[in-house]
Amino acid sequence: MNNVDNPIIIDQNYCPDNENCPGQASGVKISDVIYQDIHGTSATEVGVKLDCSSRNPCTGISLEDVKLSYNNQPAEASCTNADGSASGVVLPNSCLKT
């Protein structure tokens, strides 16, 4: 990847134009997703965004050998209601709950 917006993203709280969906919680359960051997640069400071539903948290998310940078430094990671694991080299540092 080279200069990619949002290289790794799950956004269960997506709301187009932030209209007509405040406080809405996703009814979709996301589980057992593997992000493996992902390397490159992010065009956004947050390279890993896992924004999962409070009603149906993400589970079993796996980051394996992920290395993302932003402006020649590790990108940032942001996790909300996301459980899983990280293995191998993972940059940015994993924010997943284990």
Protein backbone atom coordinates (compact mmCIF):
# COMPACT_ATOMS: atom_id res chain seq x y z
CA MET A 1 0.00 0.00 0.00
CA ASN A 2 1.20 3.48 -0.75
CA ASN A 3 -0.41 6.57 0.81
CA VAL A 4 -3.79 4.89 1.37
CA ASP A 5 -6.69 6.54 3.25
CA ASN A 6 -7.81 4.29 6.12
CA PRO A 7 -5.74 1.19 5.28
CA ILE A 8 -7.41 -1.01 7.92
CA ILE A 9 -10.94 -0.05 8.91
CA ILE A 10 -14.11 -1.46 10.40
CA ASP A 11 -16.68 1.27 11.01
CA GLN A 12 -19.96 0.00 12.41
CA ASN A 13 -20.90 3.52 13.44
CA TYR A 14 -20.77 4.96 9.92
CA CYS A 15 -23.40 7.64 9.44
CA PRO A 16 -23.52 9.38 6.04
CA ASP A 17 -23.39 13.14 6.53
CA ASN A 18 -23.98 12.53 10.29
CA GLU A 19 -27.73 12.83 9.71
CA ASN A 20 -30.70 10.69 10.79
CA CYS A 21 -28.66 8.10 12.69
CA PRO A 22 -27.43 9.53 16.02
CA GLY A 23 -27.09 6.88 18.70
CA GLN A 24 -27.78 4.12 16.20
CA ALA A 25 -26.09 0.80 17.05
CA SER A 26 -25.26 -1.76 14.40
CA GLY A 27 -27.23 -5.00 14.40
CA VAL A 28 -24.49 -6.74 12.40
CA LYS A 29 -21.98 -8.92 14.26
CA ILE A 30 -18.41 -8.84 12.85
CA SER A 31 -16.11 -11.65 13.96
CA ASP A 32 -13.09 -13.72 12.94
CA VAL A 33 -11.48 -11.19 10.59
CA ILE A 34 -7.76 -11.58 9.82
CA TYR A 35 -5.58 -8.72 8.56
CA GLN A 36 -2.34 -10.42 7.48
CA ASP A 37 0.88 -9.18 5.85
CA ILE A 38 -0.26 -5.61 5.34
CA HIS A 39 2.61 -3.17 4.80
CA GLY A 40 2.89 0.38 3.52
CA THR A 41 2.03 3.99 4.19
CA SER A 42 -1.16 5.61 5.36
CA ALA A 43 -2.42 8.96 4.10
CA THR A 44 -4.24 9.33 7.41
CA GLU A 45 -2.66 9.51 10.87
CA VAL A 46 -4.90 6.65 12.06
CA GLY A 47 -3.91 3.64 9.96
CA VAL A 48 -5.92 1.08 11.95
CA LYS A 49 -9.47 2.07 12.88
CA LEU A 50 -11.69 -0.58 14.41
CA ASP A 51 -14.86 1.24 15.48
CA CYS A 52 -17.28 -1.48 16.47
CA SER A 53 -20.83 -1.41 17.79
CA SER A 54 -21.52 -1.31 21.51
CA ARG A 55 -24.48 -3.65 20.92
CA ASN A 56 -22.49 -6.11 18.78
CA PRO A 57 -18.77 -5.71 19.54
CA CYS A 58 -16.22 -7.10 17.07
CA THR A 59 -14.58 -10.32 18.25
CA GLY A 60 -11.78 -12.51 16.96
CA ILE A 61 -10.06 -9.71 15.05
CA SER A 62 -6.48 -10.67 14.23
CA LEU A 63 -3.60 -8.43 13.19
CA GLU A 64 -0.69 -10.48 11.84
CA ASP A 65 2.50 -8.88 10.53
CA VAL A 66 1.05 -5.42 9.95
CA LYS A 67 3.41 -2.49 9.43
CA LEU A 68 1.86 0.86 8.55
CA SER A 69 3.58 4.22 8.72
CA TYR A 70 2.42 7.82 8.47
CA ASN A 71 4.94 10.59 7.73
CA ASN A 72 7.87 8.21 8.33
CA GLN A 73 6.58 7.19 11.78
CA PRO A 74 4.29 4.38 12.87
CA ALA A 75 0.65 5.21 12.13
CA GLU A 76 -1.82 5.32 15.03
CA ALA A 77 -4.40 2.70 15.96
CA SER A 78 -7.87 3.35 17.33
CA CYS A 79 -10.13 0.62 18.70
CA THR A 80 -13.62 0.83 20.16
CA ASN A 81 -15.45 -2.34 21.26
CA ALA A 82 -12.93 -4.53 19.39
CA ASP A 83 -11.49 -7.76 20.81
CA GLY A 84 -8.80 -9.90 19.27
CA SER A 85 -5.10 -10.57 19.05
CA ALA A 86 -1.91 -9.41 17.41
CA SER A 87 1.09 -11.48 16.34
CA GLY A 88 4.38 -10.91 14.59
CA VAL A 89 5.48 -7.34 13.97
CA VAL A 90 2.46 -5.04 14.39
CA LEU A 91 2.93 -1.30 13.89
CA PRO A 92 1.10 0.69 15.01
CA ASN A 93 0.89 -1.14 18.33
CA SER A 94 -2.33 -3.10 18.61
CA CYS A 95 -5.19 -1.50 20.51
CA LEU A 96 -7.30 -4.69 20.49
CA LYS A 97 -8.62 -5.99 23.79
CA THR A 98 -7.45 -9.55 24.35
